[in-house]
Amino acid sequence: VATVGLEESKLDNLRLFPNPTDGLLHISIPASLEQDMTFTIY
C-alpha cells in the first residue's frame, strides 16, 4: 500500500465564530481575499 497525498494550501488567518452557533455565523477573512472568496455549507 502506497500513500498518495496532495499538499493542501490553507487559509490560516480565517476566523469563524461563534461555534457552536444559534443561527448567526460570523466569518473574518483578510480583506485581500474577499474578491474571489466563496463560502459553501454542507
Full PDB file with SEQRES, HELIX, SHEET, SSBOND, CRYST1, ORIGX, SCALE, CONECT and MASTER records, all heavy atoms in Angstrom:
SEQRES   1 A   42  VAL ALA THR VAL GLY LEU GLU GLU SER LYS LEU ASP ASN          
SEQRES   2 A   42  LEU ARG LEU PHE PRO ASN PRO THR ASP GLY LEU LEU HIS          
SEQRES   3 A   42  ILE SER ILE PRO ALA SER LEU GLU GLN ASP MET THR PHE          
SEQRES   4 A   42  THR ILE TYR                                                  
HELIX    1 AA1 ALA A   31  ASP A   36  5                                   6    
SHEET    1 AA1 2 ARG A  15  PHE A  17  0                                        
SHEET    2 AA1 2 HIS A  26  SER A  28 -1                                        
CRYST1    1.000    1.000    1.000  90.00  90.00  90.00 P 1           1          
ORIGX1      1.000000  0.000000  0.000000        0.00000                         
ORIGX2      0.000000  1.000000  0.000000        0.00000                         
ORIGX3      0.000000  0.000000  1.000000        0.00000                         
SCALE1      1.000000  0.000000  0.000000        0.00000                         
SCALE2      0.000000  1.000000  0.000000        0.00000                         
SCALE3      0.000000  0.000000  1.000000        0.00000                         
ATOM      1  N   VAL A   1       0.848  -1.176   0.000  1.00  0.00           N  
ATOM      2  CA  VAL A   1       0.000   0.000   0.000  1.00  0.00           C  
ATOM      3  C   VAL A   1       0.890   1.234   0.000  1.00  0.00           C  
ATOM      4  O   VAL A   1       1.746   1.379   0.857  1.00  0.00           O  
ATOM      5  CB  VAL A   1      -0.925   0.016   1.243  1.00  0.00           C  
ATOM      6  CG1 VAL A   1      -1.792   1.260   1.238  1.00  0.00           C  
ATOM      7  CG2 VAL A   1      -1.776  -1.242   1.281  1.00  0.00           C  
ATOM      8  N   ALA A   2       0.670   2.088  -0.969  1.00  0.00           N  
ATOM      9  CA  ALA A   2       1.445   3.322  -1.066  1.00  0.00           C  
ATOM     10  C   ALA A   2       0.548   4.484  -0.676  1.00  0.00           C  
ATOM     11  O   ALA A   2      -0.621   4.533  -1.031  1.00  0.00           O  
ATOM     12  CB  ALA A   2       1.974   3.512  -2.469  1.00  0.00           C  
ATOM     13  N   THR A   3       1.098   5.422   0.070  1.00  0.00           N  
ATOM     14  CA  THR A   3       0.351   6.609   0.476  1.00  0.00           C  
ATOM     15  C   THR A   3       0.547   7.696  -0.564  1.00  0.00           C  
ATOM     16  O   THR A   3       1.665   8.031  -0.924  1.00  0.00           O  
ATOM     17  CB  THR A   3       0.833   7.104   1.851  1.00  0.00           C  
ATOM     18  OG1 THR A   3       0.740   6.038   2.774  1.00  0.00           O  
ATOM     19  CG2 THR A   3       0.005   8.265   2.326  1.00  0.00           C  
ATOM     20  N   VAL A   4      -0.569   8.238  -1.027  1.00  0.00           N  
ATOM     21  CA  VAL A   4      -0.529   9.312  -2.003  1.00  0.00           C  
ATOM     22  C   VAL A   4      -1.283  10.477  -1.393  1.00  0.00           C  
ATOM     23  O   VAL A   4      -2.355  10.319  -0.844  1.00  0.00           O  
ATOM     24  CB  VAL A   4      -1.204   8.897  -3.327  1.00  0.00           C  
ATOM     25  CG1 VAL A   4      -1.226  10.055  -4.300  1.00  0.00           C  
ATOM     26  CG2 VAL A   4      -0.498   7.702  -3.908  1.00  0.00           C  
ATOM     27  N   GLY A   5      -0.726  11.657  -1.467  1.00  0.00           N  
ATOM     28  CA  GLY A   5      -1.396  12.820  -0.894  1.00  0.00           C  
ATOM     29  C   GLY A   5      -1.071  14.067  -1.682  1.00  0.00           C  
ATOM     30  O   GLY A   5      -0.137  14.107  -2.473  1.00  0.00           O  
ATOM     31  N   LEU A   6      -1.876  15.051  -1.448  1.00  0.00           N  
ATOM     32  CA  LEU A   6      -1.657  16.346  -2.059  1.00  0.00           C  
ATOM     33  C   LEU A   6      -1.416  17.354  -0.963  1.00  0.00           C  
ATOM     34  O   LEU A   6      -2.067  17.316   0.074  1.00  0.00           O  
ATOM     35  CB  LEU A   6      -2.895  16.775  -2.861  1.00  0.00           C  
ATOM     36  CG  LEU A   6      -3.280  15.883  -4.027  1.00  0.00           C  
ATOM     37  CD1 LEU A   6      -4.591  16.345  -4.630  1.00  0.00           C  
ATOM     38  CD2 LEU A   6      -2.198  15.887  -5.081  1.00  0.00           C  
ATOM     39  N   GLU A   7      -0.493  18.229  -1.186  1.00  0.00           N  
ATOM     40  CA  GLU A   7      -0.253  19.282  -0.211  1.00  0.00           C  
ATOM     41  C   GLU A   7      -1.383  20.289  -0.324  1.00  0.00           C  
ATOM     42  O   GLU A   7      -1.711  20.771  -1.401  1.00  0.00           O  
ATOM     43  CB  GLU A   7       1.082  19.957  -0.474  1.00  0.00           C  
ATOM     44  CG  GLU A   7       1.451  20.939   0.603  1.00  0.00           C  
ATOM     45  CD  GLU A   7       2.841  21.497   0.399  1.00  0.00           C  
ATOM     46  OE1 GLU A   7       3.734  20.732   0.021  1.00  0.00           O  
ATOM     47  OE2 GLU A   7       3.009  22.704   0.612  1.00  0.00           O  
ATOM     48  N   GLU A   8      -2.015  20.567   0.800  1.00  0.00           N  
ATOM     49  CA  GLU A   8      -3.154  21.475   0.811  1.00  0.00           C  
ATOM     50  C   GLU A   8      -2.697  22.875   1.198  1.00  0.00           C  
ATOM     51  O   GLU A   8      -1.980  23.064   2.163  1.00  0.00           O  
ATOM     52  CB  GLU A   8      -4.180  20.971   1.824  1.00  0.00           C  
ATOM     53  CG  GLU A   8      -5.484  21.710   1.780  1.00  0.00           C  
ATOM     54  CD  GLU A   8      -6.487  21.089   2.726  1.00  0.00           C  
ATOM     55  OE1 GLU A   8      -6.919  19.965   2.480  1.00  0.00           O  
ATOM     56  OE2 GLU A   8      -6.811  21.746   3.719  1.00  0.00           O  
ATOM     57  N   SER A   9      -3.112  23.845   0.433  1.00  0.00           N  
ATOM     58  CA  SER A   9      -2.817  25.231   0.734  1.00  0.00           C  
ATOM     59  C   SER A   9      -3.941  25.759   1.606  1.00  0.00           C  
ATOM     60  O   SER A   9      -5.095  25.785   1.205  1.00  0.00           O  
ATOM     61  CB  SER A   9      -2.721  26.026  -0.564  1.00  0.00           C  
ATOM     62  OG  SER A   9      -2.429  27.364  -0.293  1.00  0.00           O  
ATOM     63  N   LYS A  10      -3.628  26.146   2.826  1.00  0.00           N  
ATOM     64  CA  LYS A  10      -4.658  26.518   3.790  1.00  0.00           C  
ATOM     65  C   LYS A  10      -4.767  28.019   3.965  1.00  0.00           C  
ATOM     66  O   LYS A  10      -3.811  28.749   3.781  1.00  0.00           O  
ATOM     67  CB  LYS A  10      -4.347  25.888   5.153  1.00  0.00           C  
ATOM     68  CG  LYS A  10      -4.416  24.392   5.146  1.00  0.00           C  
ATOM     69  CD  LYS A  10      -4.213  23.843   6.535  1.00  0.00           C  
ATOM     70  CE  LYS A  10      -4.313  22.338   6.511  1.00  0.00           C  
ATOM     71  NZ  LYS A  10      -4.180  21.756   7.821  1.00  0.00           N  
ATOM     72  N   LEU A  11      -5.971  28.427   4.350  1.00  0.00           N  
ATOM     73  CA  LEU A  11      -6.209  29.806   4.759  1.00  0.00           C  
ATOM     74  C   LEU A  11      -6.033  29.832   6.276  1.00  0.00           C  
ATOM     75  O   LEU A  11      -6.923  29.440   7.015  1.00  0.00           O  
ATOM     76  CB  LEU A  11      -7.641  30.231   4.397  1.00  0.00           C  
ATOM     77  CG  LEU A  11      -7.938  30.402   2.922  1.00  0.00           C  
ATOM     78  CD1 LEU A  11      -9.426  30.555   2.686  1.00  0.00           C  
ATOM     79  CD2 LEU A  11      -7.204  31.605   2.396  1.00  0.00           C  
ATOM     80  N   ASP A  12      -4.876  30.251   6.736  1.00  0.00           N  
ATOM     81  CA  ASP A  12      -4.578  30.209   8.161  1.00  0.00           C  
ATOM     82  C   ASP A  12      -5.187  31.363   8.943  1.00  0.00           C  
ATOM     83  O   ASP A  12      -5.404  31.246  10.137  1.00  0.00           O  
ATOM     84  CB  ASP A  12      -3.059  30.206   8.380  1.00  0.00           C  
ATOM     85  CG  ASP A  12      -2.423  28.938   7.866  1.00  0.00           C  
ATOM     86  OD1 ASP A  12      -3.082  27.886   7.910  1.00  0.00           O  
ATOM     87  OD2 ASP A  12      -1.280  29.006   7.408  1.00  0.00           O  
ATOM     88  N   ASN A  13      -5.470  32.473   8.299  1.00  0.00           N  
ATOM     89  CA  ASN A  13      -5.925  33.647   9.031  1.00  0.00           C  
ATOM     90  C   ASN A  13      -7.424  33.904   8.854  1.00  0.00           C  
ATOM     91  O   ASN A  13      -7.864  35.028   8.880  1.00  0.00           O  
ATOM     92  CB  ASN A  13      -5.106  34.867   8.646  1.00  0.00           C  
ATOM     93  CG  ASN A  13      -4.845  34.940   7.156  1.00  0.00           C  
ATOM     94  OD1 ASN A  13      -5.320  34.115   6.401  1.00  0.00           O  
ATOM     95  ND2 ASN A  13      -4.086  35.925   6.745  1.00  0.00           N  
ATOM     96  N   LEU A  14      -8.204  32.849   8.713  1.00  0.00           N  
ATOM     97  CA  LEU A  14      -9.651  32.951   8.651  1.00  0.00           C  
ATOM     98  C   LEU A  14     -10.214  32.545  10.011  1.00  0.00           C  
ATOM     99  O   LEU A  14      -9.782  31.555  10.590  1.00  0.00           O  
ATOM    100  CB  LEU A  14     -10.186  32.028   7.556  1.00  0.00           C  
ATOM    101  CG  LEU A  14     -11.668  32.133   7.252  1.00  0.00           C  
ATOM    102  CD1 LEU A  14     -11.894  32.039   5.758  1.00  0.00           C  
ATOM    103  CD2 LEU A  14     -12.441  31.041   7.930  1.00  0.00           C  
ATOM    104  N   ARG A  15     -11.150  33.339  10.537  1.00  0.00           N  
ATOM    105  CA  ARG A  15     -11.763  33.037  11.838  1.00  0.00           C  
ATOM    106  C   ARG A  15     -13.254  32.823  11.657  1.00  0.00           C  
ATOM    107  O   ARG A  15     -13.905  33.543  10.909  1.00  0.00           O  
ATOM    108  CB  ARG A  15     -11.537  34.173  12.824  1.00  0.00           C  
ATOM    109  CG  ARG A  15     -10.105  34.279  13.292  1.00  0.00           C  
ATOM    110  CD  ARG A  15      -9.915  35.268  14.432  1.00  0.00           C  
ATOM    111  NE  ARG A  15     -11.012  35.226  15.377  1.00  0.00           N  
ATOM    112  CZ  ARG A  15     -11.601  36.317  15.876  1.00  0.00           C  
ATOM    113  NH1 ARG A  15     -11.209  37.515  15.508  1.00  0.00           N  
ATOM    114  NH2 ARG A  15     -12.577  36.212  16.742  1.00  0.00           N  
ATOM    115  N   LEU A  16     -13.786  31.862  12.383  1.00  0.00           N  
ATOM    116  CA  LEU A  16     -15.188  31.502  12.335  1.00  0.00           C  
ATOM    117  C   LEU A  16     -15.717  31.533  13.757  1.00  0.00           C  
ATOM    118  O   LEU A  16     -15.161  30.871  14.629  1.00  0.00           O  
ATOM    119  CB  LEU A  16     -15.288  30.094  11.744  1.00  0.00           C  
ATOM    120  CG  LEU A  16     -16.612  29.409  11.676  1.00  0.00           C  
ATOM    121  CD1 LEU A  16     -17.459  30.050  10.602  1.00  0.00           C  
ATOM    122  CD2 LEU A  16     -16.401  27.942  11.349  1.00  0.00           C  
ATOM    123  N   PHE A  17     -16.773  32.322  14.021  1.00  0.00           N  
ATOM    124  CA  PHE A  17     -17.295  32.425  15.380  1.00  0.00           C  
ATOM    125  C   PHE A  17     -18.748  32.859  15.369  1.00  0.00           C  
ATOM    126  O   PHE A  17     -19.185  33.439  14.369  1.00  0.00           O  
ATOM    127  CB  PHE A  17     -16.431  33.406  16.203  1.00  0.00           C  
ATOM    128  CG  PHE A  17     -16.341  34.790  15.602  1.00  0.00           C  
ATOM    129  CD1 PHE A  17     -17.197  35.801  16.013  1.00  0.00           C  
ATOM    130  CD2 PHE A  17     -15.415  35.082  14.604  1.00  0.00           C  
ATOM    131  CE1 PHE A  17     -17.126  37.069  15.461  1.00  0.00           C  
ATOM    132  CE2 PHE A  17     -15.336  36.349  14.044  1.00  0.00           C  
ATOM    133  CZ  PHE A  17     -16.192  37.344  14.475  1.00  0.00           C  
ATOM    134  N   PRO A  18     -19.556  32.630  16.389  1.00  0.00           N  
ATOM    135  CA  PRO A  18     -19.332  31.651  17.459  1.00  0.00           C  
ATOM    136  C   PRO A  18     -19.585  30.246  16.927  1.00  0.00           C  
ATOM    137  O   PRO A  18     -20.352  30.058  15.993  1.00  0.00           O  
ATOM    138  CB  PRO A  18     -20.386  32.020  18.496  1.00  0.00           C  
ATOM    139  CG  PRO A  18     -21.514  32.594  17.704  1.00  0.00           C  
ATOM    140  CD  PRO A  18     -20.864  33.272  16.518  1.00  0.00           C  
ATOM    141  N   ASN A  19     -18.951  29.297  17.516  1.00  0.00           N  
ATOM    142  CA  ASN A  19     -19.123  27.905  17.118  1.00  0.00           C  
ATOM    143  C   ASN A  19     -19.068  27.040  18.360  1.00  0.00           C  
ATOM    144  O   ASN A  19     -18.010  26.921  18.949  1.00  0.00           O  
ATOM    145  CB  ASN A  19     -18.045  27.500  16.133  1.00  0.00           C  
ATOM    146  CG  ASN A  19     -18.352  26.202  15.425  1.00  0.00           C  
ATOM    147  OD1 ASN A  19     -19.464  25.695  15.491  1.00  0.00           O  
ATOM    148  ND2 ASN A  19     -17.364  25.664  14.754  1.00  0.00           N  
ATOM    149  N   PRO A  20     -20.189  26.482  18.808  1.00  0.00           N  
ATOM    150  CA  PRO A  20     -21.490  26.365  18.163  1.00  0.00           C  
ATOM    151  C   PRO A  20     -22.209  27.704  18.077  1.00  0.00           C  
ATOM    152  O   PRO A  20     -21.972  28.602  18.861  1.00  0.00           O  
ATOM    153  CB  PRO A  20     -22.268  25.395  19.041  1.00  0.00           C  
ATOM    154  CG  PRO A  20     -21.500  25.226  20.284  1.00  0.00           C  
ATOM    155  CD  PRO A  20     -20.135  25.780  20.077  1.00  0.00           C  
ATOM    156  N   THR A  21     -23.104  27.780  17.089  1.00  0.00           N  
ATOM    157  CA  THR A  21     -23.855  29.000  16.843  1.00  0.00           C  
ATOM    158  C   THR A  21     -25.341  28.755  17.030  1.00  0.00           C  
ATOM    159  O   THR A  21     -25.799  27.627  16.876  1.00  0.00           O  
ATOM    160  CB  THR A  21     -23.583  29.534  15.419  1.00  0.00           C  
ATOM    161  OG1 THR A  21     -24.308  30.736  15.229  1.00  0.00           O  
ATOM    162  CG2 THR A  21     -23.972  28.536  14.350  1.00  0.00           C  
ATOM    163  N   ASP A  22     -26.069  29.827  17.346  1.00  0.00           N  
ATOM    164  CA  ASP A  22     -27.523  29.709  17.458  1.00  0.00           C  
ATOM    165  C   ASP A  22     -28.208  30.131  16.165  1.00  0.00           C  
ATOM    166  O   ASP A  22     -29.423  30.197  16.085  1.00  0.00           O  
ATOM    167  CB  ASP A  22     -28.049  30.510  18.648  1.00  0.00           C  
ATOM    168  CG  ASP A  22     -27.744  31.994  18.524  1.00  0.00           C  
ATOM    169  OD1 ASP A  22     -27.118  32.407  17.532  1.00  0.00           O  
ATOM    170  OD2 ASP A  22     -28.137  32.752  19.429  1.00  0.00           O  
ATOM    171  N   GLY A  23     -27.437  30.418  15.137  1.00  0.00           N  
ATOM    172  CA  GLY A  23     -28.004  30.751  13.833  1.00  0.00           C  
ATOM    173  C   GLY A  23     -27.199  31.758  13.055  1.00  0.00           C  
ATOM    174  O   GLY A  23     -27.083  31.665  11.846  1.00  0.00           O  
ATOM    175  N   LEU A  24     -26.606  32.748  13.718  1.00  0.00           N  
ATOM    176  CA  LEU A  24     -25.836  33.773  13.029  1.00  0.00           C  
ATOM    177  C   LEU A  24     -24.347  33.446  13.150  1.00  0.00           C  
ATOM    178  O   LEU A  24     -23.788  33.426  14.236  1.00  0.00           O  
ATOM    179  CB  LEU A  24     -26.130  35.155  13.613  1.00  0.00           C  
ATOM    180  CG  LEU A  24     -25.636  36.337  12.791  1.00  0.00           C  
ATOM    181  CD1 LEU A  24     -26.247  36.322  11.395  1.00  0.00           C  
ATOM    182  CD2 LEU A  24     -25.980  37.633  13.490  1.00  0.00           C  
ATOM    183  N   LEU A  25     -23.732  33.170  12.009  1.00  0.00           N  
ATOM    184  CA  LEU A  25     -22.332  32.769  11.952  1.00  0.00           C  
ATOM    185  C   LEU A  25     -21.511  33.910  11.377  1.00  0.00           C  
ATOM    186  O   LEU A  25     -21.869  34.481  10.349  1.00  0.00           O  
ATOM    187  CB  LEU A  25     -22.201  31.523  11.071  1.00  0.00           C  
ATOM    188  CG  LEU A  25     -20.845  30.883  10.967  1.00  0.00           C  
ATOM    189  CD1 LEU A  25     -20.428  30.305  12.317  1.00  0.00           C  
ATOM    190  CD2 LEU A  25     -20.870  29.777   9.918  1.00  0.00           C  
ATOM    191  N   HIS A  26     -20.419  34.277  12.041  1.00  0.00           N  
ATOM    192  CA  HIS A  26     -19.536  35.350  11.583  1.00  0.00           C  
ATOM    193  C   HIS A  26     -18.238  34.740  11.061  1.00  0.00           C  
ATOM    194  O   HIS A  26     -17.682  33.839  11.677  1.00  0.00           O  
ATOM    195  CB  HIS A  26     -19.219  36.319  12.719  1.00  0.00           C  
ATOM    196  CG  HIS A  26     -20.424  36.947  13.319  1.00  0.00           C  
ATOM    197  ND1 HIS A  26     -21.159  37.918  12.684  1.00  0.00           N  
ATOM    198  CD2 HIS A  26     -21.042  36.716  14.491  1.00  0.00           C  
ATOM    199  CE1 HIS A  26     -22.162  38.275  13.441  1.00  0.00           C  
ATOM    200  NE2 HIS A  26     -22.123  37.559  14.551  1.00  0.00           N  
ATOM    201  N   ILE A  27     -17.771  35.269   9.929  1.00  0.00           N  
ATOM    202  CA  ILE A  27     -16.530  34.802   9.318  1.00  0.00           C  
ATOM    203  C   ILE A  27     -15.655  36.014   9.067  1.00  0.00           C  
ATOM    204  O   ILE A  27     -16.074  36.976   8.425  1.00  0.00           O  
ATOM    205  CB  ILE A  27     -16.803  34.077   7.993  1.00  0.00           C  
ATOM    206  CG1 ILE A  27     -17.759  32.906   8.222  1.00  0.00           C  
ATOM    207  CG2 ILE A  27     -15.507  33.609   7.356  1.00  0.00           C  
ATOM    208  CD1 ILE A  27     -18.301  32.310   6.954  1.00  0.00           C  
ATOM    209  N   SER A  28     -14.450  35.980   9.595  1.00  0.00           N  
ATOM    210  CA  SER A  28     -13.499  37.068   9.430  1.00  0.00           C  
ATOM    211  C   SER A  28     -12.376  36.584   8.515  1.00  0.00           C  
ATOM    212  O   SER A  28     -11.749  35.559   8.777  1.00  0.00           O  
ATOM    213  CB  SER A  28     -12.952  37.461  10.808  1.00  0.00           C  
ATOM    214  OG  SER A  28     -11.930  38.416  10.670  1.00  0.00           O  
ATOM    215  N   ILE A  29     -12.137  37.344   7.421  1.00  0.00           N  
ATOM    216  CA  ILE A  29     -11.107  36.975   6.454  1.00  0.00           C  
ATOM    217  C   ILE A  29     -10.242  38.189   6.137  1.00  0.00           C  
ATOM    218  O   ILE A  29     -10.655  39.320   6.348  1.00  0.00           O  
ATOM    219  CB  ILE A  29     -11.718  36.431   5.141  1.00  0.00           C  
ATOM    220  CG1 ILE A  29     -12.518  37.530   4.430  1.00  0.00           C  
ATOM    221  CG2 ILE A  29     -12.563  35.209   5.385  1.00  0.00           C  
ATOM    222  CD1 ILE A  29     -12.933  37.160   3.023  1.00  0.00           C  
ATOM    223  N   PRO A  30      -9.030  37.964   5.632  1.00  0.00           N  
ATOM    224  CA  PRO A  30      -8.216  39.096   5.185  1.00  0.00           C  
ATOM    225  C   PRO A  30      -8.914  39.801   4.023  1.00  0.00           C  
ATOM    226  O   PRO A  30      -9.440  39.162   3.120  1.00  0.00           O  
ATOM    227  CB  PRO A  30      -6.919  38.440   4.720  1.00  0.00           C  
ATOM    228  CG  PRO A  30      -6.894  37.101   5.361  1.00  0.00           C  
ATOM    229  CD  PRO A  30      -8.320  36.700   5.528  1.00  0.00           C  
ATOM    230  N   ALA A  31      -8.929  41.118   4.054  1.00  0.00           N  
ATOM    231  CA  ALA A  31      -9.600  41.902   3.015  1.00  0.00           C  
ATOM    232  C   ALA A  31      -9.030  41.614   1.628  1.00  0.00           C  
ATOM    233  O   ALA A  31      -9.744  41.710   0.633  1.00  0.00           O  
ATOM    234  CB  ALA A  31      -9.500  43.384   3.341  1.00  0.00           C  
ATOM    235  N   SER A  32      -7.788  41.220   1.553  1.00  0.00           N  
ATOM    236  CA  SER A  32      -7.158  40.945   0.258  1.00  0.00           C  
ATOM    237  C   SER A  32      -7.756  39.721  -0.438  1.00  0.00           C  
ATOM    238  O   SER A  32      -7.610  39.559  -1.643  1.00  0.00           O  
ATOM    239  CB  SER A  32      -5.655  40.743   0.430  1.00  0.00           C  
ATOM    240  OG  SER A  32      -5.414  39.639   1.279  1.00  0.00           O  
ATOM    241  N   LEU A  33      -8.437  38.850   0.306  1.00  0.00           N  
ATOM    242  CA  LEU A  33      -9.004  37.637  -0.268  1.00  0.00           C  
ATOM    243  C   LEU A  33     -10.485  37.755  -0.601  1.00  0.00           C  
ATOM    244  O   LEU A  33     -11.066  36.846  -1.169  1.00  0.00           O  
ATOM    245  CB  LEU A  33      -8.825  36.460   0.705  1.00  0.00           C  
ATOM    246  CG  LEU A  33      -7.403  36.055   1.025  1.00  0.00           C  
ATOM    247  CD1 LEU A  33      -7.402  34.963   2.072  1.00  0.00           C  
ATOM    248  CD2 LEU A  33      -6.686  35.593  -0.224  1.00  0.00           C  
ATOM    249  N   GLU A  34     -11.101  38.865  -0.262  1.00  0.00           N  
ATOM    250  CA  GLU A  34     -12.556  38.955  -0.354  1.00  0.00           C  
ATOM    251  C   GLU A  34     -13.099  38.871  -1.775  1.00  0.00           C  
ATOM    252  O   GLU A  34     -14.224  38.427  -1.983  1.00  0.00           O  
ATOM    253  CB  GLU A  34     -13.061  40.217   0.327  1.00  0.00           C  
ATOM    254  CG  GLU A  34     -12.755  41.485  -0.453  1.00  0.00           C  
ATOM    255  CD  GLU A  34     -13.333  42.710   0.197  1.00  0.00           C  
ATOM    256  OE1 GLU A  34     -14.531  42.721   0.477  1.00  0.00           O  
ATOM    257  OE2 GLU A  34     -12.563  43.655   0.430  1.00  0.00           O  
ATOM    258  N   GLN A  35     -12.347  39.277  -2.763  1.00  0.00           N  
ATOM    259  CA  GLN A  35     -12.880  39.346  -4.128  1.00  0.00           C  
ATOM    260  C   GLN A  35     -13.254  37.979  -4.691  1.00  0.00           C  
ATOM    261  O   GLN A  35     -14.268  37.839  -5.341  1.00  0.00           O  
ATOM    262  CB  GLN A  35     -11.884  40.047  -5.052  1.00  0.00           C  
ATOM    263  CG  GLN A  35     -11.669  41.497  -4.713  1.00  0.00           C  
ATOM    264  CD  GLN A  35     -12.966  42.302  -4.744  1.00  0.00           C  
ATOM    265  OE1 GLN A  35     -13.803  42.121  -5.602  1.00  0.00           O  
ATOM    266  NE2 GLN A  35     -13.141  43.187  -3.768  1.00  0.00           N  
ATOM    267  N   ASP A  36     -12.428  36.972  -4.455  1.00  0.00           N  
ATOM    268  CA  ASP A  36     -12.721  35.666  -5.044  1.00  0.00           C  
ATOM    269  C   ASP A  36     -13.046  34.594  -4.005  1.00  0.00           C  
ATOM    270  O   ASP A  36     -12.992  33.410  -4.291  1.00  0.00           O  
ATOM    271  CB  ASP A  36     -11.564  35.215  -5.939  1.00  0.00           C  
ATOM    272  CG  ASP A  36     -10.268  34.989  -5.171  1.00  0.00           C  
ATOM    273  OD1 ASP A  36     -10.181  35.416  -4.004  1.00  0.00           O  
ATOM    274  OD2 ASP A  36      -9.354  34.382  -5.739  1.00  0.00           O  
ATOM    275  N   MET A  37     -13.398  34.996  -2.791  1.00  0.00           N  
ATOM    276  CA  MET A  37     -13.722  34.054  -1.720  1.00  0.00           C  
ATOM    277  C   MET A  37     -15.134  33.498  -1.908  1.00  0.00           C  
ATOM    278  O   MET A  37     -16.070  34.251  -2.151  1.00  0.00           O  
ATOM    279  CB  MET A  37     -13.619  34.751  -0.360  1.00  0.00           C  
ATOM    280  CG  MET A  37     -13.996  33.884   0.820  1.00  0.00           C  
ATOM    281  SD  MET A  37     -12.792  32.622   1.216  1.00  0.00           S  
ATOM    282  CE  MET A  37     -11.451  33.593   1.819  1.00  0.00           C  
ATOM    283  N   THR A  38     -15.270  32.180  -1.817  1.00  0.00           N  
ATOM    284  CA  THR A  38     -16.585  31.548  -1.854  1.00  0.00           C  
ATOM    285  C   THR A  38     -16.816  30.773  -0.565  1.00  0.00           C  
ATOM    286  O   THR A  38     -15.873  30.215   0.007  1.00  0.00           O  
ATOM    287  CB  THR A  38     -16.743  30.589  -3.050  1.00  0.00           C  
ATOM    288  OG1 THR A  38     -15.748  29.576  -2.966  1.00  0.00           O  
ATOM    289  CG2 THR A  38     -16.641  31.323  -4.365  1.00  0.00           C  
ATOM    290  N   PHE A  39     -18.062  30.755  -0.113  1.00  0.00           N  
ATOM    291  CA  PHE A  39     -18.454  30.035   1.095  1.00  0.00           C  
ATOM    292  C   PHE A  39     -19.494  28.983   0.706  1.00  0.00           C  
ATOM    293  O   PHE A  39     -20.486  29.306   0.049  1.00  0.00           O  
ATOM    294  CB  PHE A  39     -19.068  30.979   2.126  1.00  0.00           C  
ATOM    295  CG  PHE A  39     -18.174  32.113   2.529  1.00  0.00           C  
ATOM    296  CD1 PHE A  39     -18.436  33.405   2.115  1.00  0.00           C  
ATOM    297  CD2 PHE A  39     -17.072  31.880   3.329  1.00  0.00           C  
ATOM    298  CE1 PHE A  39     -17.619  34.450   2.493  1.00  0.00           C  
ATOM    299  CE2 PHE A  39     -16.244  32.930   3.702  1.00  0.00           C  
ATOM    300  CZ  PHE A  39     -16.514  34.213   3.287  1.00  0.00           C  
ATOM    301  N   THR A  40     -19.263  27.748   1.114  1.00  0.00           N  
ATOM    302  CA  THR A  40     -20.202  26.655   0.855  1.00  0.00           C  
ATOM    303  C   THR A  40     -20.418  25.916   2.169  1.00  0.00           C  
ATOM    304  O   THR A  40     -19.460  25.606   2.868  1.00  0.00           O  
ATOM    305  CB  THR A  40     -19.658  25.678  -0.207  1.00  0.00           C  
ATOM    306  OG1 THR A  40     -19.243  26.421  -1.355  1.00  0.00           O  
ATOM    307  CG2 THR A  40     -20.712  24.676  -0.617  1.00  0.00           C  
ATOM    308  N   ILE A  41     -21.692  25.635   2.486  1.00  0.00           N  
ATOM    309  CA  ILE A  41     -22.016  24.888   3.694  1.00  0.00           C  
ATOM    310  C   ILE A  41     -22.721  23.608   3.282  1.00  0.00           C  
ATOM    311  O   ILE A  41     -23.672  23.633   2.495  1.00  0.00           O  
ATOM    312  CB  ILE A  41     -22.880  25.718   4.664  1.00  0.00           C  
ATOM    313  CG1 ILE A  41     -22.084  26.954   5.098  1.00  0.00           C  
ATOM    314  CG2 ILE A  41     -23.298  24.884   5.873  1.00  0.00           C  
ATOM    315  CD1 ILE A  41     -22.819  27.894   6.018  1.00  0.00           C  
ATOM    316  N   TYR A  42     -22.218  22.485   3.824  1.00  0.00           N  
ATOM    317  CA  TYR A  42     -22.745  21.156   3.520  1.00  0.00           C  
ATOM    318  C   TYR A  42     -23.417  20.578   4.761  1.00  0.00           C  
ATOM    319  O   TYR A  42     -22.944  20.790   5.888  1.00  0.00           O  
ATOM    320  CB  TYR A  42     -21.615  20.206   3.108  1.00  0.00           C  
ATOM    321  CG  TYR A  42     -20.848  20.654   1.898  1.00  0.00           C  
ATOM    322  CD1 TYR A  42     -19.734  21.474   2.023  1.00  0.00           C  
ATOM    323  CD2 TYR A  42     -21.227  20.246   0.627  1.00  0.00           C  
ATOM    324  CE1 TYR A  42     -19.014  21.887   0.911  1.00  0.00           C  
ATOM    325  CE2 TYR A  42     -20.508  20.656  -0.497  1.00  0.00           C  
ATOM    326  CZ  TYR A  42     -19.412  21.471  -0.342  1.00  0.00           C  
ATOM    327  OH  TYR A  42     -18.705  21.877  -1.442  1.00  0.00           O  
TER     328      TYR A  42                                                      
MASTER        0    0    0    1    2    0    0    6  327    1    0    4          
END                                                                             
